[in-house]
Amino acid sequence: MSKQKTASKAILQYLTGRGQVRTERLREAICDPAKRESPSPKMFYKYLSELVESKRVTKFEFSRSEVCYSTPDWVEYENKITQGKVDHVRTIEKKLEKLVSVPSGLAGTVILNDNIEILHSVYLDIKDMHSWATLAKLRNPKENSAAINNILTGTYPDLMEKFSKVIGKFEKHRAEIIEDLLYMDQQSVHKEEFVQQDGF
């Protein structure tokens, strides 16, 4: 397990069931110099900020000197993420609207590369949406969440169909686009693995 995952897991475990915990108390509990795997205060704040951004931790800022954190219950977390995913659909559609036809010559090469960057960004957004909804469904298989089911059976297939149709508009460059997307996706995986192995 990477150092970031270890620290993030420790933060989540400490907050679970404790209600709102003040920053200082949380930092002291996680940044234990006696434990070799403990993060430095600087990295602790970085990991905590990322947990807040991902909505796995809720931040309560009463004043500059009084800030508390807690873990939301699953329903609250699920609702926030699901709504965020649904709202993000329009952002994905706007990205697709930026694609332009590819002329011949050097200018066409530049435009094609720009299009591929946009398509890769859209692909990652769609994949992230589907992955989250799938894991959320697996967490509570007996719970029939209409919002999550809608992502899996409606939003995701619709976006993939749009994505496929857009690539179809560049039929002449289809093979090159797919090859580049596969390469970029693999690079993203390697980059994530490298970040996870990074130290405190």
C-alpha atoms as a PDB file:
ATOM      1  CA  MET A   1       0.000   0.000   0.000  1.00  0.00           C
ATOM      2  CA  SER A   2       1.348   3.447  -0.934  1.00  0.00           C
ATOM      3  CA  LYS A   3       2.209   5.966   1.772  1.00  0.00           C
ATOM      4  CA  GLN A   4      -0.600   8.252   0.647  1.00  0.00           C
ATOM      5  CA  LYS A   5      -3.156   5.449   0.833  1.00  0.00           C
ATOM      6  CA  THR A   6      -1.876   4.443   4.269  1.00  0.00           C
ATOM      7  CA  ALA A   7      -2.151   7.999   5.588  1.00  0.00           C
ATOM      8  CA  SER A   8      -5.548   8.623   3.975  1.00  0.00           C
ATOM      9  CA  LYS A   9      -6.880   5.373   5.401  1.00  0.00           C
ATOM     10  CA  ALA A  10      -5.597   6.337   8.859  1.00  0.00           C
ATOM     11  CA  ILE A  11      -7.356   9.716   8.612  1.00  0.00           C
ATOM     12  CA  LEU A  12     -10.651   8.101   7.591  1.00  0.00           C
ATOM     13  CA  GLN A  13     -10.425   5.443  10.296  1.00  0.00           C
ATOM     14  CA  TYR A  14      -9.694   8.023  12.990  1.00  0.00           C
ATOM     15  CA  LEU A  15     -12.592  10.250  11.950  1.00  0.00           C
ATOM     16  CA  THR A  16     -15.132   7.430  11.680  1.00  0.00           C
ATOM     17  CA  GLY A  17     -17.546   7.513  14.601  1.00  0.00           C
ATOM     18  CA  ARG A  18     -15.899  10.511  16.281  1.00  0.00           C
ATOM     19  CA  GLY A  19     -18.147  13.261  14.943  1.00  0.00           C
ATOM     20  CA  GLN A  20     -16.408  16.564  14.249  1.00  0.00           C
ATOM     21  CA  VAL A  21     -12.692  16.506  15.082  1.00  0.00           C
ATOM     22  CA  ARG A  22     -10.571  19.645  15.309  1.00  0.00           C
ATOM     23  CA  THR A  23      -7.618  19.957  12.950  1.00  0.00           C
ATOM     24  CA  GLU A  24      -4.994  19.983  15.700  1.00  0.00           C
ATOM     25  CA  ARG A  25      -6.336  16.844  17.332  1.00  0.00           C
ATOM     26  CA  LEU A  26      -6.519  15.034  14.008  1.00  0.00           C
ATOM     27  CA  ARG A  27      -2.985  16.061  13.041  1.00  0.00           C
ATOM     28  CA  GLU A  28      -1.573  14.916  16.376  1.00  0.00           C
ATOM     29  CA  ALA A  29      -3.288  11.549  15.994  1.00  0.00           C
ATOM     30  CA  ILE A  30      -2.014  10.952  12.460  1.00  0.00           C
ATOM     31  CA  CYS A  31       1.436  12.589  12.534  1.00  0.00           C
ATOM     32  CA  ASP A  32       2.982  10.414  15.210  1.00  0.00           C
ATOM     33  CA  PRO A  33       6.797  10.719  15.056  1.00  0.00           C
ATOM     34  CA  ALA A  34       7.069   7.356  16.836  1.00  0.00           C
ATOM     35  CA  LYS A  35       5.452   5.628  13.852  1.00  0.00           C
ATOM     36  CA  ARG A  36       7.677   5.306  10.791  1.00  0.00           C
ATOM     37  CA  GLU A  37       4.760   5.268   8.376  1.00  0.00           C
ATOM     38  CA  SER A  38       3.277   8.505   9.741  1.00  0.00           C
ATOM     39  CA  PRO A  39       3.196  11.448   7.299  1.00  0.00           C
ATOM     40  CA  SER A  40       4.848  14.780   7.925  1.00  0.00           C
ATOM     41  CA  PRO A  41       2.467  17.639   8.859  1.00  0.00           C
ATOM     42  CA  LYS A  42       2.917  19.082   5.368  1.00  0.00           C
ATOM     43  CA  MET A  43       1.858  15.839   3.660  1.00  0.00           C
ATOM     44  CA  PHE A  44      -0.903  15.316   6.221  1.00  0.00           C
ATOM     45  CA  TYR A  45      -2.550  18.584   5.160  1.00  0.00           C
ATOM     46  CA  LYS A  46      -2.119  17.632   1.489  1.00  0.00           C
ATOM     47  CA  TYR A  47      -3.793  14.250   1.944  1.00  0.00           C
ATOM     48  CA  LEU A  48      -6.532  15.760   4.114  1.00  0.00           C
ATOM     49  CA  SER A  49      -7.242  18.416   1.480  1.00  0.00           C
ATOM     50  CA  GLU A  50      -7.554  15.721  -1.194  1.00  0.00           C
ATOM     51  CA  LEU A  51     -10.000  13.757   0.979  1.00  0.00           C
ATOM     52  CA  VAL A  52     -12.118  16.903   1.387  1.00  0.00           C
ATOM     53  CA  GLU A  53     -11.996  17.543  -2.355  1.00  0.00           C
ATOM     54  CA  SER A  54     -13.124  13.969  -3.038  1.00  0.00           C
ATOM     55  CA  LYS A  55     -15.964  14.484  -0.495  1.00  0.00           C
ATOM     56  CA  ARG A  56     -14.858  11.512   1.599  1.00  0.00           C
ATOM     57  CA  VAL A  57     -14.252  13.999   4.423  1.00  0.00           C
ATOM     58  CA  THR A  58     -16.397  17.023   5.289  1.00  0.00           C
ATOM     59  CA  LYS A  59     -14.733  20.256   6.424  1.00  0.00           C
ATOM     60  CA  PHE A  60     -16.405  22.620   8.905  1.00  0.00           C
ATOM     61  CA  GLU A  61     -14.798  26.068   9.108  1.00  0.00           C
ATOM     62  CA  PHE A  62     -16.268  27.980  12.033  1.00  0.00           C
ATOM     63  CA  SER A  63     -13.457  30.541  12.079  1.00  0.00           C
ATOM     64  CA  ARG A  64      -9.810  30.771  10.971  1.00  0.00           C
ATOM     65  CA  SER A  65      -8.726  29.240  14.252  1.00  0.00           C
ATOM     66  CA  GLU A  66     -11.492  26.651  14.559  1.00  0.00           C
ATOM     67  CA  VAL A  67     -11.719  24.105  11.750  1.00  0.00           C
ATOM     68  CA  CYS A  68     -13.150  20.623  12.177  1.00  0.00           C
ATOM     69  CA  TYR A  69     -13.458  17.525  10.006  1.00  0.00           C
ATOM     70  CA  SER A  70     -15.747  14.519   9.952  1.00  0.00           C
ATOM     71  CA  THR A  71     -16.677  11.649   7.671  1.00  0.00           C
ATOM     72  CA  PRO A  72     -20.128  11.893   6.057  1.00  0.00           C
ATOM     73  CA  ASP A  73     -22.456   8.929   6.295  1.00  0.00           C
ATOM     74  CA  TRP A  74     -22.655   6.806   3.155  1.00  0.00           C
ATOM     75  CA  VAL A  75     -26.014   8.189   1.956  1.00  0.00           C
ATOM     76  CA  GLU A  76     -24.804  11.780   2.236  1.00  0.00           C
ATOM     77  CA  TYR A  77     -21.547  10.928   0.456  1.00  0.00           C
ATOM     78  CA  GLU A  78     -23.336   8.976  -2.270  1.00  0.00           C
ATOM     79  CA  ASN A  79     -25.785  11.818  -2.917  1.00  0.00           C
ATOM     80  CA  LYS A  80     -23.030  14.424  -3.194  1.00  0.00           C
ATOM     81  CA  ILE A  81     -20.923  12.365  -5.579  1.00  0.00           C
ATOM     82  CA  THR A  82     -23.865  11.250  -7.694  1.00  0.00           C
ATOM     83  CA  GLN A  83     -25.106  14.806  -8.121  1.00  0.00           C
ATOM     84  CA  GLY A  84     -21.580  15.919  -8.992  1.00  0.00           C
ATOM     85  CA  LYS A  85     -21.298  13.205 -11.648  1.00  0.00           C
ATOM     86  CA  VAL A  86     -24.644  14.165 -13.168  1.00  0.00           C
ATOM     87  CA  ASP A  87     -23.723  17.863 -13.192  1.00  0.00           C
ATOM     88  CA  HIS A  88     -20.436  16.971 -14.898  1.00  0.00           C
ATOM     89  CA  VAL A  89     -22.253  15.540 -17.920  1.00  0.00           C
ATOM     90  CA  ARG A  90     -22.735  19.047 -19.325  1.00  0.00           C
ATOM     91  CA  THR A  91     -18.994  19.686 -18.905  1.00  0.00           C
ATOM     92  CA  ILE A  92     -18.276  16.540 -20.920  1.00  0.00           C
ATOM     93  CA  GLU A  93     -20.684  17.644 -23.640  1.00  0.00           C
ATOM     94  CA  LYS A  94     -19.024  21.073 -23.779  1.00  0.00           C
ATOM     95  CA  LYS A  95     -15.640  19.415 -24.273  1.00  0.00           C
ATOM     96  CA  LEU A  96     -17.008  17.438 -27.223  1.00  0.00           C
ATOM     97  CA  GLU A  97     -18.334  20.660 -28.737  1.00  0.00           C
ATOM     98  CA  LYS A  98     -14.745  21.962 -28.925  1.00  0.00           C
ATOM     99  CA  LEU A  99     -13.777  19.304 -31.476  1.00  0.00           C
ATOM    100  CA  VAL A 100     -13.226  20.639 -34.992  1.00  0.00           C
ATOM    101  CA  SER A 101     -12.783  19.053 -38.420  1.00  0.00           C
ATOM    102  CA  VAL A 102      -9.235  18.102 -39.386  1.00  0.00           C
ATOM    103  CA  PRO A 103      -7.838  19.732 -42.549  1.00  0.00           C
ATOM    104  CA  SER A 104      -4.922  18.317 -44.517  1.00  0.00           C
ATOM    105  CA  GLY A 105      -1.325  19.399 -44.026  1.00  0.00           C
ATOM    106  CA  LEU A 106       0.617  20.558 -40.981  1.00  0.00           C
ATOM    107  CA  ALA A 107      -2.324  22.512 -39.568  1.00  0.00           C
ATOM    108  CA  GLY A 108      -4.359  19.316 -39.651  1.00  0.00           C
ATOM    109  CA  THR A 109      -1.744  17.479 -37.562  1.00  0.00           C
ATOM    110  CA  VAL A 110      -1.917  20.154 -34.852  1.00  0.00           C
ATOM    111  CA  ILE A 111      -5.724  20.143 -34.813  1.00  0.00           C
ATOM    112  CA  LEU A 112      -5.836  16.338 -34.739  1.00  0.00           C
ATOM    113  CA  ASN A 113      -3.518  16.293 -31.706  1.00  0.00           C
ATOM    114  CA  ASP A 114      -5.720  18.873 -29.958  1.00  0.00           C
ATOM    115  CA  ASN A 115      -8.799  16.775 -30.716  1.00  0.00           C
ATOM    116  CA  ILE A 116      -7.135  13.663 -29.322  1.00  0.00           C
ATOM    117  CA  GLU A 117      -6.297  15.506 -26.082  1.00  0.00           C
ATOM    118  CA  ILE A 118      -9.961  16.501 -25.733  1.00  0.00           C
ATOM    119  CA  LEU A 119     -11.168  12.990 -26.523  1.00  0.00           C
ATOM    120  CA  HIS A 120      -8.804  11.496 -23.947  1.00  0.00           C
ATOM    121  CA  SER A 121     -10.050  13.917 -21.301  1.00  0.00           C
ATOM    122  CA  VAL A 122     -13.651  13.010 -22.136  1.00  0.00           C
ATOM    123  CA  TYR A 123     -12.844   9.291 -22.091  1.00  0.00           C
ATOM    124  CA  LEU A 124     -11.311   9.561 -18.607  1.00  0.00           C
ATOM    125  CA  ASP A 125     -14.339  11.524 -17.357  1.00  0.00           C
ATOM    126  CA  ILE A 126     -16.760   8.886 -18.658  1.00  0.00           C
ATOM    127  CA  LYS A 127     -14.640   6.009 -17.316  1.00  0.00           C
ATOM    128  CA  ASP A 128     -14.399   7.674 -13.904  1.00  0.00           C
ATOM    129  CA  MET A 129     -18.175   8.119 -13.772  1.00  0.00           C
ATOM    130  CA  HIS A 130     -18.816   4.471 -14.637  1.00  0.00           C
ATOM    131  CA  SER A 131     -16.157   3.170 -12.217  1.00  0.00           C
ATOM    132  CA  TRP A 132     -17.567   5.158  -9.302  1.00  0.00           C
ATOM    133  CA  ALA A 133     -21.165   4.108  -9.968  1.00  0.00           C
ATOM    134  CA  THR A 134     -20.109   0.449 -10.335  1.00  0.00           C
ATOM    135  CA  LEU A 135     -18.233   0.451  -7.020  1.00  0.00           C
ATOM    136  CA  ALA A 136     -21.082   2.279  -5.284  1.00  0.00           C
ATOM    137  CA  LYS A 137     -23.480  -0.375  -6.550  1.00  0.00           C
ATOM    138  CA  LEU A 138     -21.176  -3.165  -5.350  1.00  0.00           C
ATOM    139  CA  ARG A 139     -20.917  -1.571  -1.895  1.00  0.00           C
ATOM    140  CA  ASN A 140     -24.666  -1.881  -1.354  1.00  0.00           C
ATOM    141  CA  PRO A 141     -25.892  -4.486  -3.890  1.00  0.00           C
ATOM    142  CA  LYS A 142     -29.271  -4.854  -2.149  1.00  0.00           C
ATOM    143  CA  GLU A 143     -29.901  -1.106  -2.097  1.00  0.00           C
ATOM    144  CA  ASN A 144     -31.786   0.104  -5.151  1.00  0.00           C
ATOM    145  CA  SER A 145     -30.418   3.617  -5.706  1.00  0.00           C
ATOM    146  CA  ALA A 146     -32.272   5.225  -8.599  1.00  0.00           C
ATOM    147  CA  ALA A 147     -29.508   7.802  -9.126  1.00  0.00           C
ATOM    148  CA  ILE A 148     -26.729   5.196  -9.393  1.00  0.00           C
ATOM    149  CA  ASN A 149     -28.854   2.899 -11.552  1.00  0.00           C
ATOM    150  CA  ASN A 150     -29.540   5.842 -13.851  1.00  0.00           C
ATOM    151  CA  ILE A 151     -25.808   6.448 -14.290  1.00  0.00           C
ATOM    152  CA  LEU A 152     -25.141   2.776 -15.085  1.00  0.00           C
ATOM    153  CA  THR A 153     -28.105   2.162 -17.377  1.00  0.00           C
ATOM    154  CA  GLY A 154     -28.748   5.620 -18.794  1.00  0.00           C
ATOM    155  CA  THR A 155     -26.083   8.293 -18.479  1.00  0.00           C
ATOM    156  CA  TYR A 156     -23.049   6.094 -19.098  1.00  0.00           C
ATOM    157  CA  PRO A 157     -24.403   4.269 -22.195  1.00  0.00           C
ATOM    158  CA  ASP A 158     -25.647   7.589 -23.617  1.00  0.00           C
ATOM    159  CA  LEU A 159     -22.243   9.231 -23.182  1.00  0.00           C
ATOM    160  CA  MET A 160     -20.423   6.249 -24.699  1.00  0.00           C
ATOM    161  CA  GLU A 161     -22.747   6.377 -27.687  1.00  0.00           C
ATOM    162  CA  LYS A 162     -22.032  10.091 -28.151  1.00  0.00           C
ATOM    163  CA  PHE A 163     -18.311   9.427 -27.744  1.00  0.00           C
ATOM    164  CA  SER A 164     -18.425   6.692 -30.386  1.00  0.00           C
ATOM    165  CA  LYS A 165     -20.373   8.862 -32.817  1.00  0.00           C
ATOM    166  CA  VAL A 166     -17.916  11.729 -32.403  1.00  0.00           C
ATOM    167  CA  ILE A 167     -14.966   9.460 -33.195  1.00  0.00           C
ATOM    168  CA  GLY A 168     -16.937   8.222 -36.197  1.00  0.00           C
ATOM    169  CA  LYS A 169     -16.898  11.752 -37.595  1.00  0.00           C
ATOM    170  CA  PHE A 170     -13.122  11.432 -37.915  1.00  0.00           C
ATOM    171  CA  GLU A 171     -13.257   8.120 -39.781  1.00  0.00           C
ATOM    172  CA  LYS A 172     -10.120   8.919 -41.773  1.00  0.00           C
ATOM    173  CA  HIS A 173      -8.150   9.241 -38.535  1.00  0.00           C
ATOM    174  CA  ARG A 174     -10.029   6.618 -36.462  1.00  0.00           C
ATOM    175  CA  ALA A 175      -7.128   4.147 -36.167  1.00  0.00           C
ATOM    176  CA  GLU A 176      -4.657   6.867 -35.157  1.00  0.00           C
ATOM    177  CA  ILE A 177      -7.091   8.345 -32.639  1.00  0.00           C
ATOM    178  CA  ILE A 178      -7.762   4.976 -30.970  1.00  0.00           C
ATOM    179  CA  GLU A 179      -4.058   4.082 -30.866  1.00  0.00           C
ATOM    180  CA  ASP A 180      -3.229   7.427 -29.261  1.00  0.00           C
ATOM    181  CA  LEU A 181      -6.067   7.079 -26.745  1.00  0.00           C
ATOM    182  CA  LEU A 182      -4.826   3.616 -25.755  1.00  0.00           C
ATOM    183  CA  TYR A 183      -1.290   4.937 -25.326  1.00  0.00           C
ATOM    184  CA  MET A 184      -2.422   7.973 -23.313  1.00  0.00           C
ATOM    185  CA  ASP A 185      -4.625   5.811 -21.109  1.00  0.00           C
ATOM    186  CA  GLN A 186      -1.687   3.503 -20.378  1.00  0.00           C
ATOM    187  CA  GLN A 187       0.495   6.505 -19.567  1.00  0.00           C
ATOM    188  CA  SER A 188      -2.155   7.736 -17.132  1.00  0.00           C
ATOM    189  CA  VAL A 189      -2.061   4.372 -15.347  1.00  0.00           C
ATOM    190  CA  HIS A 190       1.746   4.465 -15.096  1.00  0.00           C
ATOM    191  CA  LYS A 191       1.636   8.045 -13.799  1.00  0.00           C
ATOM    192  CA  GLU A 192      -0.891   7.096 -11.127  1.00  0.00           C
ATOM    193  CA  GLU A 193       1.264   4.159 -10.041  1.00  0.00           C
ATOM    194  CA  PHE A 194       4.290   6.450  -9.804  1.00  0.00           C
ATOM    195  CA  VAL A 195       2.397   9.003  -7.700  1.00  0.00           C
ATOM    196  CA  GLN A 196       1.183   6.239  -5.355  1.00  0.00           C
ATOM    197  CA  GLN A 197       4.769   5.107  -4.825  1.00  0.00           C
ATOM    198  CA  ASP A 198       5.952   8.644  -4.079  1.00  0.00           C
ATOM    199  CA  GLY A 199       7.196   9.288  -0.551  1.00  0.00           C
ATOM    200  CA  PHE A 200       5.965  11.658   2.163  1.00  0.00           C
END
